[in-house]
Amino acid sequence: MTDQTPSPVPLELAASTFAALGSEQRLSVLRSLVRAGPDGLSIGVLGERSGVTGSTLTHHVRILTQAGLVHQTKKGRSVICAAVAYDEIKALSDFLLSECCADCAAPAEGHQHE
């Protein structure tokens, strides 16, 4: 079995990406896009699913796009948003868990990170 450990996320990059996720509304938007998969959602559908609409949605999508987590494309008259950084999102999760229980005498059961 080969080691599938992702390359470590630099602390500065992790901090800036987590900052982009530092809003319940942005988390809701990103979560809706992750659920939709690579085809993404139109702005209208994204608003319905995330509960964030109008200029507020535009603002949050812009921040997520600047963080490299979302990509927007124009399809006819629609703007389609899609989560594009699945590897980066997983790397952020791994960043948080990479040293789980490292300073414990014995890791708590169920809290070991494989």
PDB file of N, CA and C in Angstrom:
ATOM      1  N   MET A   1       0.848  -1.183   0.000  1.00  0.00           N
ATOM      2  CA  MET A   1       0.000   0.000   0.000  1.00  0.00           C
ATOM      3  C   MET A   1       0.892   1.244   0.000  1.00  0.00           C
ATOM      4  N   THR A   2       0.636   2.157  -0.903  1.00  0.00           N
ATOM      5  CA  THR A   2       1.449   3.363  -0.979  1.00  0.00           C
ATOM      6  C   THR A   2       0.873   4.434  -0.079  1.00  0.00           C
ATOM      7  N   ASP A   3       1.738   5.316   0.361  1.00  0.00           N
ATOM      8  CA  ASP A   3       1.319   6.418   1.219  1.00  0.00           C
ATOM      9  C   ASP A   3       0.591   7.456   0.378  1.00  0.00           C
ATOM     10  N   GLN A   4      -0.668   7.706   0.690  1.00  0.00           N
ATOM     11  CA  GLN A   4      -1.480   8.674  -0.054  1.00  0.00           C
ATOM     12  C   GLN A   4      -1.557  10.008   0.668  1.00  0.00           C
ATOM     13  N   THR A   5      -0.603  10.295   1.533  1.00  0.00           N
ATOM     14  CA  THR A   5      -0.604  11.529   2.293  1.00  0.00           C
ATOM     15  C   THR A   5      -0.469  12.714   1.343  1.00  0.00           C
ATOM     16  N   PRO A   6      -1.411  13.660   1.390  1.00  0.00           N
ATOM     17  CA  PRO A   6      -1.311  14.828   0.515  1.00  0.00           C
ATOM     18  C   PRO A   6      -0.148  15.711   0.946  1.00  0.00           C
ATOM     19  N   SER A   7       0.322  16.506  -0.004  1.00  0.00           N
ATOM     20  CA  SER A   7       1.395  17.423   0.358  1.00  0.00           C
ATOM     21  C   SER A   7       0.880  18.375   1.425  1.00  0.00           C
ATOM     22  N   PRO A   8       1.733  18.715   2.383  1.00  0.00           N
ATOM     23  CA  PRO A   8       1.271  19.561   3.483  1.00  0.00           C
ATOM     24  C   PRO A   8       0.839  20.944   2.996  1.00  0.00           C
ATOM     25  N   VAL A   9      -0.189  21.455   3.636  1.00  0.00           N
ATOM     26  CA  VAL A   9      -0.699  22.781   3.317  1.00  0.00           C
ATOM     27  C   VAL A   9       0.098  23.784   4.140  1.00  0.00           C
ATOM     28  N   PRO A  10       0.688  24.790   3.488  1.00  0.00           N
ATOM     29  CA  PRO A  10       1.396  25.814   4.266  1.00  0.00           C
ATOM     30  C   PRO A  10       0.422  26.517   5.218  1.00  0.00           C
ATOM     31  N   LEU A  11       0.904  26.855   6.385  1.00  0.00           N
ATOM     32  CA  LEU A  11       0.082  27.484   7.408  1.00  0.00           C
ATOM     33  C   LEU A  11      -0.615  28.740   6.878  1.00  0.00           C
ATOM     34  N   GLU A  12       0.102  29.569   6.127  1.00  0.00           N
ATOM     35  CA  GLU A  12      -0.479  30.818   5.614  1.00  0.00           C
ATOM     36  C   GLU A  12      -1.637  30.536   4.658  1.00  0.00           C
ATOM     37  N   LEU A  13      -1.471  29.519   3.787  1.00  0.00           N
ATOM     38  CA  LEU A  13      -2.533  29.169   2.843  1.00  0.00           C
ATOM     39  C   LEU A  13      -3.737  28.613   3.595  1.00  0.00           C
ATOM     40  N   ALA A  14      -3.489  27.758   4.573  1.00  0.00           N
ATOM     41  CA  ALA A  14      -4.590  27.211   5.364  1.00  0.00           C
ATOM     42  C   ALA A  14      -5.348  28.335   6.063  1.00  0.00           C
ATOM     43  N   ALA A  15      -4.626  29.271   6.651  1.00  0.00           N
ATOM     44  CA  ALA A  15      -5.268  30.379   7.366  1.00  0.00           C
ATOM     45  C   ALA A  15      -6.121  31.214   6.426  1.00  0.00           C
ATOM     46  N   SER A  16      -5.610  31.517   5.251  1.00  0.00           N
ATOM     47  CA  SER A  16      -6.372  32.356   4.319  1.00  0.00           C
ATOM     48  C   SER A  16      -7.589  31.615   3.774  1.00  0.00           C
ATOM     49  N   THR A  17      -7.466  30.314   3.535  1.00  0.00           N
ATOM     50  CA  THR A  17      -8.612  29.555   3.039  1.00  0.00           C
ATOM     51  C   THR A  17      -9.652  29.387   4.131  1.00  0.00           C
ATOM     52  N   PHE A  18      -9.212  29.092   5.354  1.00  0.00           N
ATOM     53  CA  PHE A  18     -10.164  29.003   6.455  1.00  0.00           C
ATOM     54  C   PHE A  18     -10.849  30.348   6.683  1.00  0.00           C
ATOM     55  N   ALA A  19     -10.140  31.439   6.487  1.00  0.00           N
ATOM     56  CA  ALA A  19     -10.755  32.765   6.629  1.00  0.00           C
ATOM     57  C   ALA A  19     -11.882  32.936   5.617  1.00  0.00           C
ATOM     58  N   ALA A  20     -11.667  32.442   4.402  1.00  0.00           N
ATOM     59  CA  ALA A  20     -12.716  32.530   3.377  1.00  0.00           C
ATOM     60  C   ALA A  20     -13.934  31.707   3.765  1.00  0.00           C
ATOM     61  N   LEU A  21     -13.728  30.689   4.577  1.00  0.00           N
ATOM     62  CA  LEU A  21     -14.830  29.840   5.014  1.00  0.00           C
ATOM     63  C   LEU A  21     -15.428  30.306   6.335  1.00  0.00           C
ATOM     64  N   GLY A  22     -14.956  31.439   6.842  1.00  0.00           N
ATOM     65  CA  GLY A  22     -15.344  31.917   8.160  1.00  0.00           C
ATOM     66  C   GLY A  22     -16.695  32.595   8.213  1.00  0.00           C
ATOM     67  N   SER A  23     -17.653  32.062   7.523  1.00  0.00           N
ATOM     68  CA  SER A  23     -19.000  32.622   7.509  1.00  0.00           C
ATOM     69  C   SER A  23     -19.979  31.474   7.323  1.00  0.00           C
ATOM     70  N   GLU A  24     -21.047  31.462   8.102  1.00  0.00           N
ATOM     71  CA  GLU A  24     -22.063  30.418   7.951  1.00  0.00           C
ATOM     72  C   GLU A  24     -22.621  30.418   6.528  1.00  0.00           C
ATOM     73  N   GLN A  25     -22.823  31.609   5.974  1.00  0.00           N
ATOM     74  CA  GLN A  25     -23.384  31.683   4.630  1.00  0.00           C
ATOM     75  C   GLN A  25     -22.415  31.132   3.585  1.00  0.00           C
ATOM     76  N   ARG A  26     -21.120  31.450   3.703  1.00  0.00           N
ATOM     77  CA  ARG A  26     -20.151  30.916   2.734  1.00  0.00           C
ATOM     78  C   ARG A  26     -20.035  29.405   2.872  1.00  0.00           C
ATOM     79  N   LEU A  27     -20.072  28.908   4.101  1.00  0.00           N
ATOM     80  CA  LEU A  27     -20.045  27.454   4.285  1.00  0.00           C
ATOM     81  C   LEU A  27     -21.272  26.810   3.655  1.00  0.00           C
ATOM     82  N   SER A  28     -22.409  27.434   3.787  1.00  0.00           N
ATOM     83  CA  SER A  28     -23.630  26.912   3.183  1.00  0.00           C
ATOM     84  C   SER A  28     -23.523  26.904   1.656  1.00  0.00           C
ATOM     85  N   VAL A  29     -22.976  27.972   1.098  1.00  0.00           N
ATOM     86  CA  VAL A  29     -22.790  28.060  -0.355  1.00  0.00           C
ATOM     87  C   VAL A  29     -21.830  26.967  -0.815  1.00  0.00           C
ATOM     88  N   LEU A  30     -20.683  26.838  -0.174  1.00  0.00           N
ATOM     89  CA  LEU A  30     -19.703  25.834  -0.585  1.00  0.00           C
ATOM     90  C   LEU A  30     -20.262  24.431  -0.406  1.00  0.00           C
ATOM     91  N   ARG A  31     -20.946  24.200   0.684  1.00  0.00           N
ATOM     92  CA  ARG A  31     -21.527  22.880   0.922  1.00  0.00           C
ATOM     93  C   ARG A  31     -22.546  22.527  -0.156  1.00  0.00           C
ATOM     94  N   SER A  32     -23.359  23.485  -0.567  1.00  0.00           N
ATOM     95  CA  SER A  32     -24.327  23.257  -1.641  1.00  0.00           C
ATOM     96  C   SER A  32     -23.620  22.907  -2.942  1.00  0.00           C
ATOM     97  N   LEU A  33     -22.503  23.586  -3.205  1.00  0.00           N
ATOM     98  CA  LEU A  33     -21.759  23.321  -4.437  1.00  0.00           C
ATOM     99  C   LEU A  33     -21.052  21.966  -4.384  1.00  0.00           C
ATOM    100  N   VAL A  34     -20.530  21.595  -3.230  1.00  0.00           N
ATOM    101  CA  VAL A  34     -19.893  20.277  -3.092  1.00  0.00           C
ATOM    102  C   VAL A  34     -20.939  19.191  -3.303  1.00  0.00           C
ATOM    103  N   ARG A  35     -22.121  19.380  -2.746  1.00  0.00           N
ATOM    104  CA  ARG A  35     -23.202  18.406  -2.928  1.00  0.00           C
ATOM    105  C   ARG A  35     -23.604  18.291  -4.393  1.00  0.00           C
ATOM    106  N   ALA A  36     -23.552  19.393  -5.134  1.00  0.00           N
ATOM    107  CA  ALA A  36     -23.965  19.395  -6.541  1.00  0.00           C
ATOM    108  C   ALA A  36     -22.959  18.686  -7.440  1.00  0.00           C
ATOM    109  N   GLY A  37     -21.726  18.571  -6.983  1.00  0.00           N
ATOM    110  CA  GLY A  37     -20.718  17.904  -7.798  1.00  0.00           C
ATOM    111  C   GLY A  37     -20.117  18.815  -8.850  1.00  0.00           C
ATOM    112  N   PRO A  38     -19.357  18.226  -9.766  1.00  0.00           N
ATOM    113  CA  PRO A  38     -18.588  19.020 -10.724  1.00  0.00           C
ATOM    114  C   PRO A  38     -19.427  19.819 -11.721  1.00  0.00           C
ATOM    115  N   ASP A  39     -20.694  19.449 -11.912  1.00  0.00           N
ATOM    116  CA  ASP A  39     -21.535  20.214 -12.841  1.00  0.00           C
ATOM    117  C   ASP A  39     -21.940  21.559 -12.267  1.00  0.00           C
ATOM    118  N   GLY A  40     -21.884  21.690 -10.947  1.00  0.00           N
ATOM    119  CA  GLY A  40     -22.197  22.956 -10.308  1.00  0.00           C
ATOM    120  C   GLY A  40     -23.672  23.295 -10.353  1.00  0.00           C
ATOM    121  N   LEU A  41     -23.964  24.548 -10.027  1.00  0.00           N
ATOM    122  CA  LEU A  41     -25.333  25.050  -9.975  1.00  0.00           C
ATOM    123  C   LEU A  41     -25.389  26.453 -10.566  1.00  0.00           C
ATOM    124  N   SER A  42     -26.530  26.780 -11.150  1.00  0.00           N
ATOM    125  CA  SER A  42     -26.728  28.160 -11.573  1.00  0.00           C
ATOM    126  C   SER A  42     -26.851  29.017 -10.328  1.00  0.00           C
ATOM    127  N   ILE A  43     -26.605  30.303 -10.481  1.00  0.00           N
ATOM    128  CA  ILE A  43     -26.709  31.226  -9.344  1.00  0.00           C
ATOM    129  C   ILE A  43     -28.090  31.140  -8.690  1.00  0.00           C
ATOM    130  N   GLY A  44     -29.141  31.060  -9.493  1.00  0.00           N
ATOM    131  CA  GLY A  44     -30.497  30.986  -8.947  1.00  0.00           C
ATOM    132  C   GLY A  44     -30.720  29.752  -8.100  1.00  0.00           C
ATOM    133  N   VAL A  45     -30.315  28.596  -8.610  1.00  0.00           N
ATOM    134  CA  VAL A  45     -30.481  27.346  -7.870  1.00  0.00           C
ATOM    135  C   VAL A  45     -29.579  27.347  -6.630  1.00  0.00           C
ATOM    136  N   LEU A  46     -28.359  27.857  -6.786  1.00  0.00           N
ATOM    137  CA  LEU A  46     -27.451  27.948  -5.649  1.00  0.00           C
ATOM    138  C   LEU A  46     -28.067  28.778  -4.528  1.00  0.00           C
ATOM    139  N   GLY A  47     -28.691  29.883  -4.899  1.00  0.00           N
ATOM    140  CA  GLY A  47     -29.362  30.727  -3.914  1.00  0.00           C
ATOM    141  C   GLY A  47     -30.475  29.989  -3.197  1.00  0.00           C
ATOM    142  N   GLU A  48     -31.287  29.237  -3.957  1.00  0.00           N
ATOM    143  CA  GLU A  48     -32.379  28.475  -3.358  1.00  0.00           C
ATOM    144  C   GLU A  48     -31.850  27.420  -2.390  1.00  0.00           C
ATOM    145  N   ARG A  49     -30.827  26.700  -2.808  1.00  0.00           N
ATOM    146  CA  ARG A  49     -30.307  25.591  -1.991  1.00  0.00           C
ATOM    147  C   ARG A  49     -29.532  26.069  -0.770  1.00  0.00           C
ATOM    148  N   SER A  50     -28.839  27.183  -0.911  1.00  0.00           N
ATOM    149  CA  SER A  50     -28.010  27.652   0.204  1.00  0.00           C
ATOM    150  C   SER A  50     -28.755  28.610   1.121  1.00  0.00           C
ATOM    151  N   GLY A  51     -29.855  29.173   0.629  1.00  0.00           N
ATOM    152  CA  GLY A  51     -30.585  30.154   1.418  1.00  0.00           C
ATOM    153  C   GLY A  51     -29.945  31.535   1.396  1.00  0.00           C
ATOM    154  N   VAL A  52     -29.001  31.738   0.480  1.00  0.00           N
ATOM    155  CA  VAL A  52     -28.310  33.026   0.341  1.00  0.00           C
ATOM    156  C   VAL A  52     -28.618  33.534  -1.058  1.00  0.00           C
ATOM    157  N   THR A  53     -29.100  34.761  -1.169  1.00  0.00           N
ATOM    158  CA  THR A  53     -29.502  35.259  -2.484  1.00  0.00           C
ATOM    159  C   THR A  53     -28.988  36.666  -2.746  1.00  0.00           C
ATOM    160  N   GLY A  54     -29.208  37.112  -3.973  1.00  0.00           N
ATOM    161  CA  GLY A  54     -28.916  38.486  -4.363  1.00  0.00           C
ATOM    162  C   GLY A  54     -27.463  38.883  -4.244  1.00  0.00           C
ATOM    163  N   SER A  55     -27.260  40.140  -3.865  1.00  0.00           N
ATOM    164  CA  SER A  55     -25.904  40.680  -3.782  1.00  0.00           C
ATOM    165  C   SER A  55     -25.100  39.990  -2.689  1.00  0.00           C
ATOM    166  N   THR A  56     -25.777  39.477  -1.668  1.00  0.00           N
ATOM    167  CA  THR A  56     -25.071  38.747  -0.608  1.00  0.00           C
ATOM    168  C   THR A  56     -24.457  37.474  -1.175  1.00  0.00           C
ATOM    169  N   LEU A  57     -25.208  36.755  -2.006  1.00  0.00           N
ATOM    170  CA  LEU A  57     -24.684  35.546  -2.645  1.00  0.00           C
ATOM    171  C   LEU A  57     -23.508  35.890  -3.550  1.00  0.00           C
ATOM    172  N   THR A  58     -23.646  36.930  -4.338  1.00  0.00           N
ATOM    173  CA  THR A  58     -22.568  37.367  -5.230  1.00  0.00           C
ATOM    174  C   THR A  58     -21.306  37.658  -4.436  1.00  0.00           C
ATOM    175  N   HIS A  59     -21.444  38.351  -3.325  1.00  0.00           N
ATOM    176  CA  HIS A  59     -20.312  38.686  -2.456  1.00  0.00           C
ATOM    177  C   HIS A  59     -19.626  37.419  -1.945  1.00  0.00           C
ATOM    178  N   HIS A  60     -20.411  36.471  -1.448  1.00  0.00           N
ATOM    179  CA  HIS A  60     -19.829  35.255  -0.887  1.00  0.00           C
ATOM    180  C   HIS A  60     -19.189  34.378  -1.960  1.00  0.00           C
ATOM    181  N   VAL A  61     -19.805  34.283  -3.118  1.00  0.00           N
ATOM    182  CA  VAL A  61     -19.217  33.502  -4.218  1.00  0.00           C
ATOM    183  C   VAL A  61     -17.898  34.127  -4.649  1.00  0.00           C
ATOM    184  N   ARG A  62     -17.836  35.453  -4.674  1.00  0.00           N
ATOM    185  CA  ARG A  62     -16.585  36.128  -5.048  1.00  0.00           C
ATOM    186  C   ARG A  62     -15.457  35.780  -4.073  1.00  0.00           C
ATOM    187  N   ILE A  63     -15.753  35.783  -2.786  1.00  0.00           N
ATOM    188  CA  ILE A  63     -14.737  35.447  -1.788  1.00  0.00           C
ATOM    189  C   ILE A  63     -14.284  33.996  -1.947  1.00  0.00           C
ATOM    190  N   LEU A  64     -15.222  33.081  -2.160  1.00  0.00           N
ATOM    191  CA  LEU A  64     -14.868  31.676  -2.349  1.00  0.00           C
ATOM    192  C   LEU A  64     -14.075  31.469  -3.638  1.00  0.00           C
ATOM    193  N   THR A  65     -14.393  32.256  -4.659  1.00  0.00           N
ATOM    194  CA  THR A  65     -13.657  32.187  -5.922  1.00  0.00           C
ATOM    195  C   THR A  65     -12.228  32.693  -5.732  1.00  0.00           C
ATOM    196  N   GLN A  66     -12.076  33.809  -5.033  1.00  0.00           N
ATOM    197  CA  GLN A  66     -10.739  34.354  -4.761  1.00  0.00           C
ATOM    198  C   GLN A  66      -9.891  33.388  -3.940  1.00  0.00           C
ATOM    199  N   ALA A  67     -10.540  32.585  -3.098  1.00  0.00           N
ATOM    200  CA  ALA A  67      -9.822  31.598  -2.285  1.00  0.00           C
ATOM    201  C   ALA A  67      -9.487  30.340  -3.080  1.00  0.00           C
ATOM    202  N   GLY A  68      -9.979  30.275  -4.324  1.00  0.00           N
ATOM    203  CA  GLY A  68      -9.681  29.127  -5.171  1.00  0.00           C
ATOM    204  C   GLY A  68     -10.554  27.918  -4.902  1.00  0.00           C
ATOM    205  N   LEU A  69     -11.667  28.102  -4.213  1.00  0.00           N
ATOM    206  CA  LEU A  69     -12.541  26.988  -3.877  1.00  0.00           C
ATOM    207  C   LEU A  69     -13.703  26.823  -4.851  1.00  0.00           C
ATOM    208  N   VAL A  70     -14.027  27.890  -5.569  1.00  0.00           N
ATOM    209  CA  VAL A  70     -15.175  27.899  -6.474  1.00  0.00           C
ATOM    210  C   VAL A  70     -14.745  28.489  -7.808  1.00  0.00           C
ATOM    211  N   HIS A  71     -15.357  27.990  -8.871  1.00  0.00           N
ATOM    212  CA  HIS A  71     -15.103  28.510 -10.211  1.00  0.00           C
ATOM    213  C   HIS A  71     -16.441  28.885 -10.829  1.00  0.00           C
ATOM    214  N   GLN A  72     -16.477  29.999 -11.540  1.00  0.00           N
ATOM    215  CA  GLN A  72     -17.694  30.438 -12.213  1.00  0.00           C
ATOM    216  C   GLN A  72     -17.483  30.386 -13.717  1.00  0.00           C
ATOM    217  N   THR A  73     -18.490  29.896 -14.440  1.00  0.00           N
ATOM    218  CA  THR A  73     -18.459  29.913 -15.895  1.00  0.00           C
ATOM    219  C   THR A  73     -19.798  30.416 -16.401  1.00  0.00           C
ATOM    220  N   LYS A  74     -19.757  31.020 -17.567  1.00  0.00           N
ATOM    221  CA  LYS A  74     -20.983  31.535 -18.173  1.00  0.00           C
ATOM    222  C   LYS A  74     -21.474  30.508 -19.182  1.00  0.00           C
ATOM    223  N   LYS A  75     -22.733  30.095 -19.055  1.00  0.00           N
ATOM    224  CA  LYS A  75     -23.370  29.169 -19.987  1.00  0.00           C
ATOM    225  C   LYS A  75     -24.608  29.862 -20.515  1.00  0.00           C
ATOM    226  N   GLY A  76     -24.492  30.380 -21.725  1.00  0.00           N
ATOM    227  CA  GLY A  76     -25.603  31.159 -22.261  1.00  0.00           C
ATOM    228  C   GLY A  76     -25.826  32.388 -21.408  1.00  0.00           C
ATOM    229  N   ARG A  77     -27.022  32.512 -20.868  1.00  0.00           N
ATOM    230  CA  ARG A  77     -27.337  33.651 -20.014  1.00  0.00           C
ATOM    231  C   ARG A  77     -27.175  33.331 -18.527  1.00  0.00           C
ATOM    232  N   SER A  78     -26.772  32.109 -18.230  1.00  0.00           N
ATOM    233  CA  SER A  78     -26.629  31.685 -16.827  1.00  0.00           C
ATOM    234  C   SER A  78     -25.176  31.702 -16.388  1.00  0.00           C
ATOM    235  N   VAL A  79     -24.982  31.958 -15.113  1.00  0.00           N
ATOM    236  CA  VAL A  79     -23.666  31.827 -14.491  1.00  0.00           C
ATOM    237  C   VAL A  79     -23.719  30.546 -13.667  1.00  0.00           C
ATOM    238  N   ILE A  80     -22.789  29.637 -13.956  1.00  0.00           N
ATOM    239  CA  ILE A  80     -22.717  28.369 -13.247  1.00  0.00           C
ATOM    240  C   ILE A  80     -21.548  28.418 -12.275  1.00  0.00           C
ATOM    241  N   CYS A  81     -21.803  28.064 -11.041  1.00  0.00           N
ATOM    242  CA  CYS A  81     -20.769  28.011 -10.011  1.00  0.00           C
ATOM    243  C   CYS A  81     -20.530  26.553  -9.660  1.00  0.00           C
ATOM    244  N   ALA A  82     -19.266  26.202  -9.475  1.00  0.00           N
ATOM    245  CA  ALA A  82     -18.928  24.837  -9.093  1.00  0.00           C
ATOM    246  C   ALA A  82     -17.765  24.851  -8.115  1.00  0.00           C
ATOM    247  N   ALA A  83     -17.818  23.950  -7.151  1.00  0.00           N
ATOM    248  CA  ALA A  83     -16.673  23.743  -6.270  1.00  0.00           C
ATOM    249  C   ALA A  83     -15.625  23.024  -7.119  1.00  0.00           C
ATOM    250  N   VAL A  84     -14.422  23.545  -7.119  1.00  0.00           N
ATOM    251  CA  VAL A  84     -13.388  22.964  -7.984  1.00  0.00           C
ATOM    252  C   VAL A  84     -12.191  22.482  -7.205  1.00  0.00           C
ATOM    253  N   ALA A  85     -12.198  22.673  -5.942  1.00  0.00           N
ATOM    254  CA  ALA A  85     -10.996  22.425  -5.159  1.00  0.00           C
ATOM    255  C   ALA A  85     -11.201  21.281  -4.181  1.00  0.00           C
ATOM    256  N   TYR A  86     -11.742  20.167  -4.669  1.00  0.00           N
ATOM    257  CA  TYR A  86     -12.004  19.044  -3.769  1.00  0.00           C
ATOM    258  C   TYR A  86     -10.721  18.577  -3.080  1.00  0.00           C
ATOM    259  N   ASP A  87      -9.626  18.518  -3.811  1.00  0.00           N
ATOM    260  CA  ASP A  87      -8.354  18.105  -3.218  1.00  0.00           C
ATOM    261  C   ASP A  87      -7.906  19.100  -2.150  1.00  0.00           C
ATOM    262  N   GLU A  88      -8.103  20.396  -2.419  1.00  0.00           N
ATOM    263  CA  GLU A  88      -7.711  21.416  -1.459  1.00  0.00           C
ATOM    264  C   GLU A  88      -8.587  21.359  -0.208  1.00  0.00           C
ATOM    265  N   ILE A  89      -9.871  21.101  -0.405  1.00  0.00           N
ATOM    266  CA  ILE A  89     -10.783  21.001   0.736  1.00  0.00           C
ATOM    267  C   ILE A  89     -10.381  19.809   1.600  1.00  0.00           C
ATOM    268  N   LYS A  90     -10.062  18.695   0.968  1.00  0.00           N
ATOM    269  CA  LYS A  90      -9.602  17.514   1.718  1.00  0.00           C
ATOM    270  C   LYS A  90      -8.271  17.812   2.401  1.00  0.00           C
ATOM    271  N   ALA A  91      -7.380  18.522   1.710  1.00  0.00           N
ATOM    272  CA  ALA A  91      -6.083  18.859   2.304  1.00  0.00           C
ATOM    273  C   ALA A  91      -6.261  19.729   3.542  1.00  0.00           C
ATOM    274  N   LEU A  92      -7.251  20.629   3.527  1.00  0.00           N
ATOM    275  CA  LEU A  92      -7.519  21.452   4.708  1.00  0.00           C
ATOM    276  C   LEU A  92      -7.998  20.591   5.876  1.00  0.00           C
ATOM    277  N   SER A  93      -8.849  19.635   5.572  1.00  0.00           N
ATOM    278  CA  SER A  93      -9.300  18.707   6.606  1.00  0.00           C
ATOM    279  C   SER A  93      -8.117  17.922   7.159  1.00  0.00           C
ATOM    280  N   ASP A  94      -7.272  17.425   6.265  1.00  0.00           N
ATOM    281  CA  ASP A  94      -6.087  16.685   6.693  1.00  0.00           C
ATOM    282  C   ASP A  94      -5.143  17.578   7.501  1.00  0.00           C
ATOM    283  N   PHE A  95      -5.071  18.863   7.129  1.00  0.00           N
ATOM    284  CA  PHE A  95      -4.234  19.814   7.861  1.00  0.00           C
ATOM    285  C   PHE A  95      -4.649  19.858   9.334  1.00  0.00           C
ATOM    286  N   LEU A  96      -5.956  19.886   9.561  1.00  0.00           N
ATOM    287  CA  LEU A  96      -6.446  19.952  10.938  1.00  0.00           C
ATOM    288  C   LEU A  96      -6.188  18.662  11.707  1.00  0.00           C
ATOM    289  N   LEU A  97      -6.241  17.544  11.005  1.00  0.00           N
ATOM    290  CA  LEU A  97      -6.154  16.255  11.675  1.00  0.00           C
ATOM    291  C   LEU A  97      -4.774  15.602  11.612  1.00  0.00           C
ATOM    292  N   SER A  98      -3.845  16.193  10.900  1.00  0.00           N
ATOM    293  CA  SER A  98      -2.556  15.546  10.651  1.00  0.00           C
ATOM    294  C   SER A  98      -1.772  15.231  11.914  1.00  0.00           C
ATOM    295  N   GLU A  99      -1.956  16.006  12.938  1.00  0.00           N
ATOM    296  CA  GLU A  99      -1.226  15.754  14.176  1.00  0.00           C
ATOM    297  C   GLU A  99      -2.179  15.442  15.327  1.00  0.00           C
ATOM    298  N   CYS A 100      -3.314  14.884  14.965  1.00  0.00           N
ATOM    299  CA  CYS A 100      -4.325  14.549  15.963  1.00  0.00           C
ATOM    300  C   CYS A 100      -3.719  13.688  17.063  1.00  0.00           C
ATOM    301  N   CYS A 101      -3.896  14.134  18.272  1.00  0.00           N
ATOM    302  CA  CYS A 101      -3.489  13.404  19.477  1.00  0.00           C
ATOM    303  C   CYS A 101      -1.981  13.205  19.589  1.00  0.00           C
ATOM    304  N   ALA A 102      -1.183  13.956  18.824  1.00  0.00           N
ATOM    305  CA  ALA A 102       0.272  13.785  18.827  1.00  0.00           C
ATOM    306  C   ALA A 102       0.881  14.053  20.195  1.00  0.00           C
ATOM    307  N   ASP A 103       0.274  14.894  20.992  1.00  0.00           N
ATOM    308  CA  ASP A 103       0.830  15.229  22.292  1.00  0.00           C
ATOM    309  C   ASP A 103       0.156  14.480  23.440  1.00  0.00           C
ATOM    310  N   CYS A 104      -0.732  13.552  23.107  1.00  0.00           N
ATOM    311  CA  CYS A 104      -1.401  12.758  24.139  1.00  0.00           C
ATOM    312  C   CYS A 104      -0.547  11.545  24.491  1.00  0.00           C
ATOM    313  N   ALA A 105      -0.618  11.138  25.744  1.00  0.00           N
ATOM    314  CA  ALA A 105       0.089   9.923  26.166  1.00  0.00           C
ATOM    315  C   ALA A 105      -0.491   8.715  25.436  1.00  0.00           C
ATOM    316  N   ALA A 106      -1.808   8.663  25.359  1.00  0.00           N
ATOM    317  CA  ALA A 106      -2.490   7.601  24.616  1.00  0.00           C
ATOM    318  C   ALA A 106      -3.666   8.248  23.906  1.00  0.00           C
ATOM    319  N   PRO A 107      -3.702   8.191  22.576  1.00  0.00           N
ATOM    320  CA  PRO A 107      -4.814   8.812  21.841  1.00  0.00           C
ATOM    321  C   PRO A 107      -6.164   8.272  22.309  1.00  0.00           C
ATOM    322  N   ALA A 108      -7.126   9.150  22.401  1.00  0.00           N
ATOM    323  CA  ALA A 108      -8.472   8.764  22.804  1.00  0.00           C
ATOM    324  C   ALA A 108      -9.053   7.829  21.758  1.00  0.00           C
ATOM    325  N   GLU A 109      -9.780   6.821  22.212  1.00  0.00           N
ATOM    326  CA  GLU A 109     -10.391   5.875  21.299  1.00  0.00           C
ATOM    327  C   GLU A 109     -11.342   6.596  20.360  1.00  0.00           C
ATOM    328  N   GLY A 110     -11.275   6.256  19.092  1.00  0.00           N
ATOM    329  CA  GLY A 110     -12.135   6.895  18.099  1.00  0.00           C
ATOM    330  C   GLY A 110     -11.609   8.219  17.595  1.00  0.00           C
ATOM    331  N   HIS A 111     -10.464   8.683  18.099  1.00  0.00           N
ATOM    332  CA  HIS A 111      -9.916   9.959  17.680  1.00  0.00           C
ATOM    333  C   HIS A 111      -8.600   9.819  16.957  1.00  0.00           C
ATOM    334  N   GLN A 112      -8.257   8.598  16.588  1.00  0.00           N
ATOM    335  CA  GLN A 112      -7.012   8.407  15.852  1.00  0.00           C
ATOM    336  C   GLN A 112      -7.247   8.762  14.402  1.00  0.00           C
ATOM    337  N   HIS A 113      -6.285   9.416  13.814  1.00  0.00           N
ATOM    338  CA  HIS A 113      -6.348   9.773  12.399  1.00  0.00           C
ATOM    339  C   HIS A 113      -5.472   8.797  11.648  1.00  0.00           C
ATOM    340  N   GLU A 114      -6.045   8.178  10.630  1.00  0.00           N
ATOM    341  CA  GLU A 114      -5.275   7.194   9.864  1.00  0.00           C
ATOM    342  C   GLU A 114      -4.575   7.846   8.716  1.00  0.00           C
TER     343      GLU A 114
END
